[in-house]
């Protein structure tokens, strides 16, 4: 069972990382994303890529077919 203290510590780590990145890049989300992409590419680890972008649903709620 996961203890509440473990969850709180993880969440605190996530918040600290977000705050550090926001400060480093002046809150510029595009710069943060570009940095993340560069670090990901440099890691050499495989990444998953979907076959297509999300597609909007049409008026009936069904996905449009290309």
C-alpha atoms as a PDB file:
ATOM      1  CA  UNK A   1       0.000   0.000   0.000  1.00  0.00           C
ATOM      2  CA  UNK A   2       1.274   3.476  -0.863  1.00  0.00           C
ATOM      3  CA  UNK A   3       1.697   5.689   2.160  1.00  0.00           C
ATOM      4  CA  UNK A   4       0.379   9.259   2.124  1.00  0.00           C
ATOM      5  CA  UNK A   5       3.856  10.592   2.974  1.00  0.00           C
ATOM      6  CA  UNK A   6       5.260   8.898  -0.163  1.00  0.00           C
ATOM      7  CA  UNK A   7       2.579  10.496  -2.332  1.00  0.00           C
ATOM      8  CA  UNK A   8       3.143  13.909  -0.750  1.00  0.00           C
ATOM      9  CA  UNK A   9       6.904  13.641  -1.317  1.00  0.00           C
ATOM     10  CA  UNK A  10       6.406  12.743  -4.976  1.00  0.00           C
ATOM     11  CA  UNK A  11       3.949  15.588  -5.509  1.00  0.00           C
ATOM     12  CA  UNK A  12       6.319  18.005  -3.767  1.00  0.00           C
ATOM     13  CA  UNK A  13       9.129  16.841  -6.090  1.00  0.00           C
ATOM     14  CA  UNK A  14       6.918  17.449  -9.124  1.00  0.00           C
ATOM     15  CA  UNK A  15       6.061  20.960  -7.933  1.00  0.00           C
ATOM     16  CA  UNK A  16       9.713  21.804  -7.211  1.00  0.00           C
ATOM     17  CA  UNK A  17      10.751  20.591 -10.665  1.00  0.00           C
ATOM     18  CA  UNK A  18       7.993  22.615 -12.336  1.00  0.00           C
ATOM     19  CA  UNK A  19       8.959  25.721 -10.370  1.00  0.00           C
ATOM     20  CA  UNK A  20      12.656  25.251 -11.198  1.00  0.00           C
ATOM     21  CA  UNK A  21      11.934  24.909 -14.922  1.00  0.00           C
ATOM     22  CA  UNK A  22       9.542  27.870 -14.922  1.00  0.00           C
ATOM     23  CA  UNK A  23      12.200  30.016 -13.257  1.00  0.00           C
ATOM     24  CA  UNK A  24      14.982  28.800 -15.580  1.00  0.00           C
ATOM     25  CA  UNK A  25      12.971  29.638 -18.704  1.00  0.00           C
ATOM     26  CA  UNK A  26      11.101  32.669 -17.406  1.00  0.00           C
ATOM     27  CA  UNK A  27       7.780  30.818 -17.601  1.00  0.00           C
ATOM     28  CA  UNK A  28       8.128  30.379 -21.396  1.00  0.00           C
ATOM     29  CA  UNK A  29       6.309  27.087 -22.009  1.00  0.00           C
ATOM     30  CA  UNK A  30       7.664  26.805 -25.562  1.00  0.00           C
ATOM     31  CA  UNK A  31      11.239  27.056 -24.253  1.00  0.00           C
ATOM     32  CA  UNK A  32      10.483  24.480 -21.548  1.00  0.00           C
ATOM     33  CA  UNK A  33       9.063  22.112 -24.179  1.00  0.00           C
ATOM     34  CA  UNK A  34      12.026  22.593 -26.519  1.00  0.00           C
ATOM     35  CA  UNK A  35      14.441  21.884 -23.654  1.00  0.00           C
ATOM     36  CA  UNK A  36      12.484  18.735 -22.740  1.00  0.00           C
ATOM     37  CA  UNK A  37      12.611  17.560 -26.359  1.00  0.00           C
ATOM     38  CA  UNK A  38      16.364  18.139 -26.544  1.00  0.00           C
ATOM     39  CA  UNK A  39      16.978  16.282 -23.265  1.00  0.00           C
ATOM     40  CA  UNK A  40      14.755  13.431 -24.449  1.00  0.00           C
ATOM     41  CA  UNK A  41      16.611  13.141 -27.774  1.00  0.00           C
ATOM     42  CA  UNK A  42      20.008  13.297 -26.020  1.00  0.00           C
ATOM     43  CA  UNK A  43      19.001  10.496 -23.632  1.00  0.00           C
ATOM     44  CA  UNK A  44      19.006   7.950 -26.440  1.00  0.00           C
ATOM     45  CA  UNK A  45      16.030   6.191 -24.896  1.00  0.00           C
ATOM     46  CA  UNK A  46      13.213   5.107 -27.199  1.00  0.00           C
ATOM     47  CA  UNK A  47      10.042   7.183 -27.141  1.00  0.00           C
ATOM     48  CA  UNK A  48       6.521   6.312 -28.176  1.00  0.00           C
ATOM     49  CA  UNK A  49       4.911   8.242 -31.008  1.00  0.00           C
ATOM     50  CA  UNK A  50       1.253   7.815 -31.913  1.00  0.00           C
ATOM     51  CA  UNK A  51       0.300   7.117 -35.491  1.00  0.00           C
ATOM     52  CA  UNK A  52      -1.715  10.313 -35.828  1.00  0.00           C
ATOM     53  CA  UNK A  53      -2.809  13.407 -33.966  1.00  0.00           C
ATOM     54  CA  UNK A  54      -6.123  13.479 -32.159  1.00  0.00           C
ATOM     55  CA  UNK A  55      -9.002  14.134 -34.511  1.00  0.00           C
ATOM     56  CA  UNK A  56     -11.999  16.233 -33.661  1.00  0.00           C
ATOM     57  CA  UNK A  57     -15.377  14.561 -33.426  1.00  0.00           C
ATOM     58  CA  UNK A  58     -18.044  15.614 -35.905  1.00  0.00           C
ATOM     59  CA  UNK A  59     -21.518  16.823 -34.885  1.00  0.00           C
ATOM     60  CA  UNK A  60     -22.744  13.242 -34.324  1.00  0.00           C
ATOM     61  CA  UNK A  61     -19.891  12.605 -31.895  1.00  0.00           C
ATOM     62  CA  UNK A  62     -18.137  10.185 -34.226  1.00  0.00           C
ATOM     63  CA  UNK A  63     -14.562  10.714 -35.249  1.00  0.00           C
ATOM     64  CA  UNK A  64     -14.100  11.941 -38.774  1.00  0.00           C
ATOM     65  CA  UNK A  65     -12.453   9.537 -41.203  1.00  0.00           C
ATOM     66  CA  UNK A  66      -9.873  10.837 -43.649  1.00  0.00           C
END
